[in-house]
Amino acid sequence: IFITTFIAFFAFSYGPVTWIVLSEIYPTRIRGTAMSIATMSLWITNVLVAQVFPRMNSWSEGGTFFVFGGITIMAFVFVSIFIPETRRKSLEDIEHQLIKPE
């Protein structure tokens, strides 16, 4: 029941955020290629986690969650520092914000 509840809440909350940010953050001219690479990376990571988790869990149940919890904390820090806020900004504003003058 708890896993089903988690999946339901994830699907209606943070699940779609990845795709929204990806579609907003890339310039129009490279969006298709960049989204393809990001999607491929996502699927490769999903396969790796699906393969690694059962093995890690058989070695140490608590340690597995500390490892994945640590990865989650590092991802949160990375996103907080490097991913810009895109709320109420046009695609052009986002592009100007991300492209640094040379």
Protein backbone atom coordinates (compact mmCIF):
# COMPACT_ATOMS: atom_id res chain seq x y z
CA ILE A 1 0.00 0.00 0.00
CA PHE A 2 2.79 2.45 0.87
CA ILE A 3 4.64 1.93 -2.40
CA THR A 4 1.44 2.43 -4.38
CA THR A 5 0.75 5.61 -2.40
CA PHE A 6 4.29 6.85 -3.05
CA ILE A 7 3.95 6.19 -6.79
CA ALA A 8 0.61 8.00 -6.92
CA PHE A 9 1.90 11.07 -5.09
CA PHE A 10 5.13 11.10 -7.10
CA ALA A 11 3.19 10.95 -10.38
CA PHE A 12 1.16 14.01 -9.42
CA SER A 13 3.95 16.03 -7.80
CA TYR A 14 7.68 15.72 -8.53
CA GLY A 15 7.44 13.19 -11.38
CA PRO A 16 6.44 15.67 -14.11
CA VAL A 17 8.80 18.40 -12.85
CA THR A 18 11.80 16.78 -14.57
CA TRP A 19 10.13 16.99 -17.97
CA ILE A 20 8.92 20.55 -17.42
CA VAL A 21 12.36 21.81 -16.43
CA LEU A 22 14.03 19.95 -19.29
CA SER A 23 11.63 21.42 -21.83
CA GLU A 24 12.21 24.96 -20.52
CA ILE A 25 15.92 24.99 -19.88
CA TYR A 26 17.28 24.13 -23.34
CA PRO A 27 17.33 26.64 -26.20
CA THR A 28 14.89 25.88 -29.00
CA ARG A 29 17.60 25.10 -31.55
CA ILE A 30 19.02 22.18 -29.50
CA ARG A 31 15.97 21.18 -27.48
CA GLY A 32 15.23 17.98 -29.42
CA THR A 33 18.78 16.65 -29.20
CA ALA A 34 19.21 17.71 -25.58
CA MET A 35 15.91 16.12 -24.55
CA SER A 36 16.95 12.90 -26.31
CA ILE A 37 20.25 12.80 -24.43
CA ALA A 38 18.55 13.62 -21.12
CA THR A 39 15.92 10.91 -21.67
CA MET A 40 18.59 8.36 -22.55
CA SER A 41 20.53 9.30 -19.40
CA LEU A 42 17.38 8.94 -17.32
CA TRP A 43 16.64 5.46 -18.66
CA ILE A 44 20.25 4.30 -18.22
CA THR A 45 20.19 5.54 -14.63
CA ASN A 46 16.87 3.78 -14.01
CA VAL A 47 18.32 0.50 -15.29
CA LEU A 48 21.44 0.91 -13.13
CA VAL A 49 19.40 1.60 -10.00
CA ALA A 50 17.12 -1.36 -10.73
CA GLN A 51 20.17 -3.63 -11.08
CA VAL A 52 22.22 -2.26 -8.17
CA PHE A 53 19.51 -1.83 -5.51
CA PRO A 54 18.70 -5.54 -4.92
CA ARG A 55 22.40 -6.43 -4.65
CA MET A 56 23.12 -3.58 -2.25
CA ASN A 57 20.03 -4.39 -0.22
CA SER A 58 21.17 -8.01 0.21
CA TRP A 59 24.51 -6.80 1.59
CA SER A 60 23.15 -4.15 3.95
CA GLU A 61 19.57 -2.94 4.16
CA GLY A 62 20.32 0.23 6.11
CA GLY A 63 23.46 1.03 4.15
CA THR A 64 21.57 0.93 0.89
CA PHE A 65 19.23 3.68 2.01
CA PHE A 66 22.11 5.77 3.35
CA VAL A 67 23.84 5.54 -0.05
CA PHE A 68 20.73 6.50 -2.01
CA GLY A 69 19.84 9.13 0.60
CA GLY A 70 23.32 10.64 0.21
CA ILE A 71 22.93 10.71 -3.55
CA THR A 72 19.57 12.44 -3.12
CA ILE A 73 21.10 15.07 -0.82
CA MET A 74 23.92 15.72 -3.31
CA ALA A 75 21.37 16.06 -6.12
CA PHE A 76 19.33 18.52 -4.03
CA VAL A 77 22.43 20.65 -3.39
CA PHE A 78 23.38 20.54 -7.09
CA VAL A 79 19.89 21.57 -8.22
CA SER A 80 19.70 24.31 -5.59
CA ILE A 81 22.99 25.82 -6.75
CA PHE A 82 23.07 25.25 -10.52
CA ILE A 83 19.51 24.97 -11.85
CA PRO A 84 17.89 28.41 -12.25
CA GLU A 85 14.33 29.23 -11.26
CA THR A 86 12.16 29.37 -14.38
CA ARG A 87 8.83 30.32 -12.86
CA ARG A 88 7.08 33.21 -14.66
CA LYS A 89 9.89 33.61 -17.21
CA SER A 90 9.62 33.35 -20.96
CA LEU A 91 11.79 30.92 -22.89
CA GLU A 92 13.80 33.87 -24.20
CA ASP A 93 14.43 35.18 -20.67
CA ILE A 94 15.60 31.74 -19.56
CA GLU A 95 17.92 31.47 -22.57
CA HIS A 96 19.46 34.89 -21.85
CA GLN A 97 19.92 33.91 -18.20
CA LEU A 98 21.70 30.66 -19.07
CA ILE A 99 23.95 31.96 -21.85
CA LYS A 100 26.93 33.69 -20.33
CA PRO A 101 28.55 36.52 -22.31
CA GLU A 102 32.06 35.71 -23.54
